[in-house]
Amino acid sequence: MFIKKWMEAMDHSPQLEAIELETAPHPTASIIILHGLGADGGDFIPVCRELDTTGLPPLRYVMPSAPVMPVSLNGGYEMRAWYDILPTNDLARREDEAGLRRSHQAISALIDREVQRGIAPERIVLMGFSQGCAMALMTGLRYPHRLAGIVALSGYLPLPGTTEAERHAANQHTPVFMAHGSHDDVVLMSRGQAAQAELSRLGYAVQWHDYAIEHGMCLDEIRDIEVWLRKVL
């Protein structure tokens, strides 16, 4: 693999930095990976290198970094975040709808960029962890062209009250891989399970996995993602 970095201004969105890895020249499929709160695109380089791509087409991993912004839950401390988290115990009122929608537009533009580079939408997987998981679900379900799949790790479904009305029919049958740590005390597994239940109610094909870990990833999870990727790509 080789690494490339770039920065691009998205229309009406903050400038996004991104890191790319390619498993071989002339990739024919892309995996866009969205990091969690306080992390950056580089956090997923070890995961990309650990994934066994045997049997998969040449891949391009695209790992953007969220903009730096004050996060209310952390006392206004500035860090990379896809959206703000408000300091309240009411989960619905903690959601920063404006920030979610701004990042939704920026991530949709990343998908569009891959299409412009010659990757068909149905050869693009959108993957995210924690806050990135929320953005992967929000963006993937609303994207107007069918994607290969959505990987939702240790997160939840944002703005659940709008999903049914705003989702796009193009991705009604897009496979969704969901995984969560049963010992997660950052994003409780019950929130992931609630997302899985809502997506199943709406008719999505969700494959659920849970692991005896905290808020992170494990090798068993990576192996399960490999199997799933071989099916969707």
Protein backbone atom coordinates (compact mmCIF):
# COMPACT_ATOMS: atom_id res chain seq x y z
CA MET A 1 0.00 0.00 0.00
CA PHE A 2 1.04 3.59 -0.51
CA ILE A 3 -0.26 6.69 1.26
CA LYS A 4 -1.46 9.91 -0.34
CA LYS A 5 -2.78 12.99 1.46
CA TRP A 6 -4.97 15.74 0.05
CA MET A 7 -7.18 18.59 1.11
CA GLU A 8 -10.25 19.83 -0.71
CA ALA A 9 -12.86 22.49 -0.03
CA MET A 10 -16.37 21.03 -0.18
CA ASP A 11 -19.21 23.32 -1.27
CA HIS A 12 -20.87 24.94 1.77
CA SER A 13 -18.77 22.69 4.06
CA PRO A 14 -15.46 22.94 5.94
CA GLN A 15 -12.27 22.03 4.16
CA LEU A 16 -11.60 18.33 4.67
CA GLU A 17 -8.20 16.70 4.84
CA ALA A 18 -7.99 13.06 3.82
CA ILE A 19 -5.53 10.20 3.67
CA GLU A 20 -5.73 7.59 0.93
CA LEU A 21 -4.35 4.07 0.71
CA GLU A 22 -4.55 1.89 -2.40
CA THR A 23 -4.12 -1.87 -2.33
CA ALA A 24 -3.08 -1.91 -6.00
CA PRO A 25 -2.86 0.52 -8.91
CA HIS A 26 -6.10 1.54 -10.65
CA PRO A 27 -8.59 0.71 -7.88
CA THR A 28 -12.09 -0.30 -8.96
CA ALA A 29 -13.76 0.01 -5.53
CA SER A 30 -13.52 2.48 -2.65
CA ILE A 31 -14.06 2.32 1.11
CA ILE A 32 -14.63 5.69 2.76
CA ILE A 33 -13.87 5.43 6.50
CA LEU A 34 -15.12 8.01 9.01
CA HIS A 35 -13.33 8.27 12.37
CA GLY A 36 -14.77 8.95 15.81
CA LEU A 37 -14.76 12.03 18.05
CA GLY A 38 -11.30 13.48 18.68
CA ALA A 39 -9.56 11.13 16.26
CA ASP A 40 -8.52 11.76 12.65
CA GLY A 41 -8.29 9.93 9.35
CA GLY A 42 -4.94 8.41 10.23
CA ASP A 43 -6.46 6.38 13.06
CA PHE A 44 -7.74 3.80 10.60
CA ILE A 45 -4.48 3.20 8.73
CA PRO A 46 -3.66 0.17 10.98
CA VAL A 47 -7.13 -1.29 10.34
CA CYS A 48 -6.70 -0.91 6.57
CA ARG A 49 -3.34 -2.65 6.76
CA GLU A 50 -4.79 -5.45 8.90
CA LEU A 51 -7.69 -6.16 6.54
CA ASP A 52 -7.01 -9.20 4.36
CA THR A 53 -8.03 -8.08 0.87
CA THR A 54 -7.57 -11.50 -0.73
CA GLY A 55 -10.43 -12.02 -3.15
CA LEU A 56 -11.32 -8.33 -3.22
CA PRO A 57 -10.83 -5.97 -6.18
CA PRO A 58 -8.12 -3.28 -6.05
CA LEU A 59 -9.29 -0.92 -3.30
CA ARG A 60 -8.89 2.73 -2.47
CA TYR A 61 -9.36 3.58 1.21
CA VAL A 62 -10.35 7.22 1.72
CA MET A 63 -9.99 8.42 5.33
CA PRO A 64 -11.09 12.03 5.81
CA SER A 65 -10.52 14.03 8.97
CA ALA A 66 -13.42 15.97 10.46
CA PRO A 67 -12.93 19.70 11.03
CA VAL A 68 -11.68 20.99 14.37
CA MET A 69 -14.51 22.51 16.40
CA PRO A 70 -15.48 23.22 20.03
CA VAL A 71 -17.34 20.26 21.57
CA SER A 72 -19.84 21.39 24.20
CA LEU A 73 -19.88 18.07 26.08
CA ASN A 74 -16.13 18.48 26.65
CA GLY A 75 -16.38 22.02 27.98
CA GLY A 76 -15.92 23.64 24.59
CA TYR A 77 -12.50 22.04 24.07
CA GLU A 78 -11.62 22.08 20.37
CA MET A 79 -11.10 18.74 18.65
CA ARG A 80 -11.94 17.00 15.43
CA ALA A 81 -15.65 16.27 15.36
CA TRP A 82 -18.28 15.64 12.72
CA TYR A 83 -20.82 17.50 14.88
CA ASP A 84 -21.21 18.98 18.35
CA ILE A 85 -22.52 16.97 21.33
CA LEU A 86 -24.59 19.04 23.73
CA PRO A 87 -24.21 18.46 27.50
CA THR A 88 -27.59 17.01 28.45
CA ASN A 89 -28.85 13.57 29.46
CA ASP A 90 -31.68 13.85 26.94
CA LEU A 91 -30.23 11.96 23.95
CA ALA A 92 -32.56 13.64 21.47
CA ARG A 93 -31.60 17.12 22.66
CA ARG A 94 -27.87 16.28 22.55
CA GLU A 95 -27.98 16.10 18.77
CA ASP A 96 -26.47 18.98 16.80
CA GLU A 97 -28.73 18.82 13.77
CA ALA A 98 -27.00 21.68 11.94
CA GLY A 99 -23.60 20.03 12.38
CA LEU A 100 -24.92 16.63 11.36
CA ARG A 101 -26.39 18.05 8.19
CA ARG A 102 -23.24 20.02 7.36
CA SER A 103 -21.10 16.88 7.66
CA HIS A 104 -23.69 14.89 5.74
CA GLN A 105 -23.18 17.25 2.80
CA ALA A 106 -19.38 17.05 3.05
CA ILE A 107 -19.39 13.24 3.16
CA SER A 108 -21.87 13.03 0.26
CA ALA A 109 -19.40 15.20 -1.67
CA LEU A 110 -16.63 12.69 -0.87
CA ILE A 111 -18.75 9.92 -2.39
CA ASP A 112 -19.42 12.10 -5.42
CA ARG A 113 -15.68 12.67 -5.76
CA GLU A 114 -15.04 8.93 -5.94
CA VAL A 115 -17.72 8.62 -8.62
CA GLN A 116 -16.06 11.43 -10.58
CA ARG A 117 -12.78 9.49 -10.34
CA GLY A 118 -14.40 6.51 -12.04
CA ILE A 119 -15.67 4.37 -9.13
CA ALA A 120 -19.32 3.38 -9.60
CA PRO A 121 -21.50 4.14 -6.54
CA GLU A 122 -22.37 0.45 -6.18
CA ARG A 123 -18.62 -0.20 -5.71
CA ILE A 124 -18.32 2.22 -2.77
CA VAL A 125 -18.61 1.18 0.89
CA LEU A 126 -19.24 3.82 3.54
CA MET A 127 -17.80 2.86 6.93
CA GLY A 128 -17.68 4.69 10.25
CA PHE A 129 -16.83 4.29 13.93
CA SER A 130 -18.73 6.03 16.78
CA GLN A 131 -19.48 9.58 15.52
CA GLY A 132 -18.32 8.32 12.14
CA CYS A 133 -20.82 5.47 12.42
CA ALA A 134 -23.61 8.01 12.93
CA MET A 135 -22.47 9.89 9.83
CA ALA A 136 -22.14 6.70 7.75
CA LEU A 137 -25.73 5.74 8.55
CA MET A 138 -27.09 9.25 8.07
CA THR A 139 -25.32 9.76 4.75
CA GLY A 140 -25.56 6.25 3.33
CA LEU A 141 -29.30 5.90 3.85
CA ARG A 142 -29.91 9.28 2.18
CA TYR A 143 -27.48 8.98 -0.74
CA PRO A 144 -29.35 9.13 -4.07
CA HIS A 145 -27.44 6.28 -5.77
CA ARG A 146 -27.04 2.70 -4.57
CA LEU A 147 -23.90 2.04 -2.54
CA ALA A 148 -22.17 -1.32 -2.12
CA GLY A 149 -22.74 -1.29 1.64
CA ILE A 150 -22.61 0.56 4.95
CA VAL A 151 -20.40 -0.49 7.88
CA ALA A 152 -21.68 0.96 11.17
CA LEU A 153 -19.32 0.36 14.13
CA SER A 154 -19.94 1.23 17.79
CA GLY A 155 -22.39 4.00 17.05
CA TYR A 156 -26.04 4.85 16.66
CA LEU A 157 -28.63 6.22 14.24
CA PRO A 158 -28.71 10.04 14.33
CA LEU A 159 -31.90 12.06 13.84
CA PRO A 160 -33.97 8.85 13.95
CA GLY A 161 -37.21 10.78 13.65
CA THR A 162 -36.26 11.97 10.15
CA THR A 163 -34.75 8.77 8.73
CA GLU A 164 -37.95 7.26 7.34
CA ALA A 165 -38.96 10.45 5.55
CA GLU A 166 -35.48 11.41 4.30
CA ARG A 167 -34.02 8.05 3.29
CA HIS A 168 -33.56 7.44 -0.43
CA ALA A 169 -35.09 4.44 -2.17
CA ALA A 170 -31.79 3.86 -4.02
CA ASN A 171 -30.28 2.38 -0.85
CA GLN A 172 -33.30 0.49 0.47
CA HIS A 173 -31.59 -2.83 -0.32
CA THR A 174 -28.01 -1.83 0.50
CA PRO A 175 -26.45 -4.29 3.00
CA VAL A 176 -25.61 -2.87 6.43
CA PHE A 177 -22.94 -4.40 8.71
CA MET A 178 -23.41 -3.30 12.34
CA ALA A 179 -21.05 -4.13 15.21
CA HIS A 180 -20.74 -3.06 18.83
CA GLY A 181 -18.78 -3.89 21.96
CA SER A 182 -20.89 -5.36 24.73
CA HIS A 183 -18.73 -3.54 27.33
CA ASP A 184 -18.89 -0.17 25.58
CA ASP A 185 -19.46 2.59 28.16
CA VAL A 186 -18.99 5.47 25.69
CA VAL A 187 -21.80 4.58 23.29
CA LEU A 188 -23.89 1.95 25.05
CA MET A 189 -24.61 -1.15 23.00
CA SER A 190 -28.32 -0.55 23.60
CA ARG A 191 -28.05 2.48 21.30
CA GLY A 192 -26.56 0.34 18.56
CA GLN A 193 -29.26 -2.27 19.11
CA ALA A 194 -31.94 0.43 18.91
CA ALA A 195 -30.48 1.53 15.56
CA GLN A 196 -30.45 -2.06 14.32
CA ALA A 197 -34.08 -2.51 15.37
CA GLU A 198 -35.17 0.70 13.61
CA LEU A 199 -33.34 -0.18 10.40
CA SER A 200 -34.84 -3.67 10.44
CA ARG A 201 -38.29 -2.14 10.94
CA LEU A 202 -37.67 -0.02 7.85
CA GLY A 203 -36.77 -3.12 5.84
CA TYR A 204 -32.98 -2.88 5.63
CA ALA A 205 -30.81 -6.00 5.46
CA VAL A 206 -28.78 -5.59 8.66
CA GLN A 207 -26.09 -8.05 9.76
CA TRP A 208 -25.48 -7.57 13.50
CA HIS A 209 -22.35 -8.55 15.44
CA ASP A 210 -21.32 -7.90 19.03
CA TYR A 211 -18.01 -8.55 20.74
CA ALA A 212 -16.86 -8.66 24.37
CA ILE A 213 -14.89 -5.41 24.07
CA GLU A 214 -15.17 -1.78 25.12
CA HIS A 215 -15.35 1.23 22.76
CA GLY A 216 -12.98 0.02 20.09
CA MET A 217 -12.35 -2.72 17.53
CA CYS A 218 -10.95 -6.25 17.75
CA LEU A 219 -9.43 -8.76 15.34
CA ASP A 220 -12.56 -10.92 15.26
CA GLU A 221 -14.49 -7.85 14.12
CA ILE A 222 -11.98 -7.14 11.36
CA ARG A 223 -12.19 -10.76 10.18
CA ASP A 224 -16.01 -10.51 10.06
CA ILE A 225 -15.79 -7.28 8.08
CA GLU A 226 -13.49 -9.03 5.57
CA VAL A 227 -16.05 -11.79 4.99
CA TRP A 228 -18.83 -9.24 4.54
CA LEU A 229 -16.76 -7.10 2.14
CA ARG A 230 -16.14 -10.13 -0.08
CA LYS A 231 -19.91 -10.53 -0.36
CA VAL A 232 -20.76 -6.92 -1.18
CA LEU A 233 -17.75 -6.17 -3.42
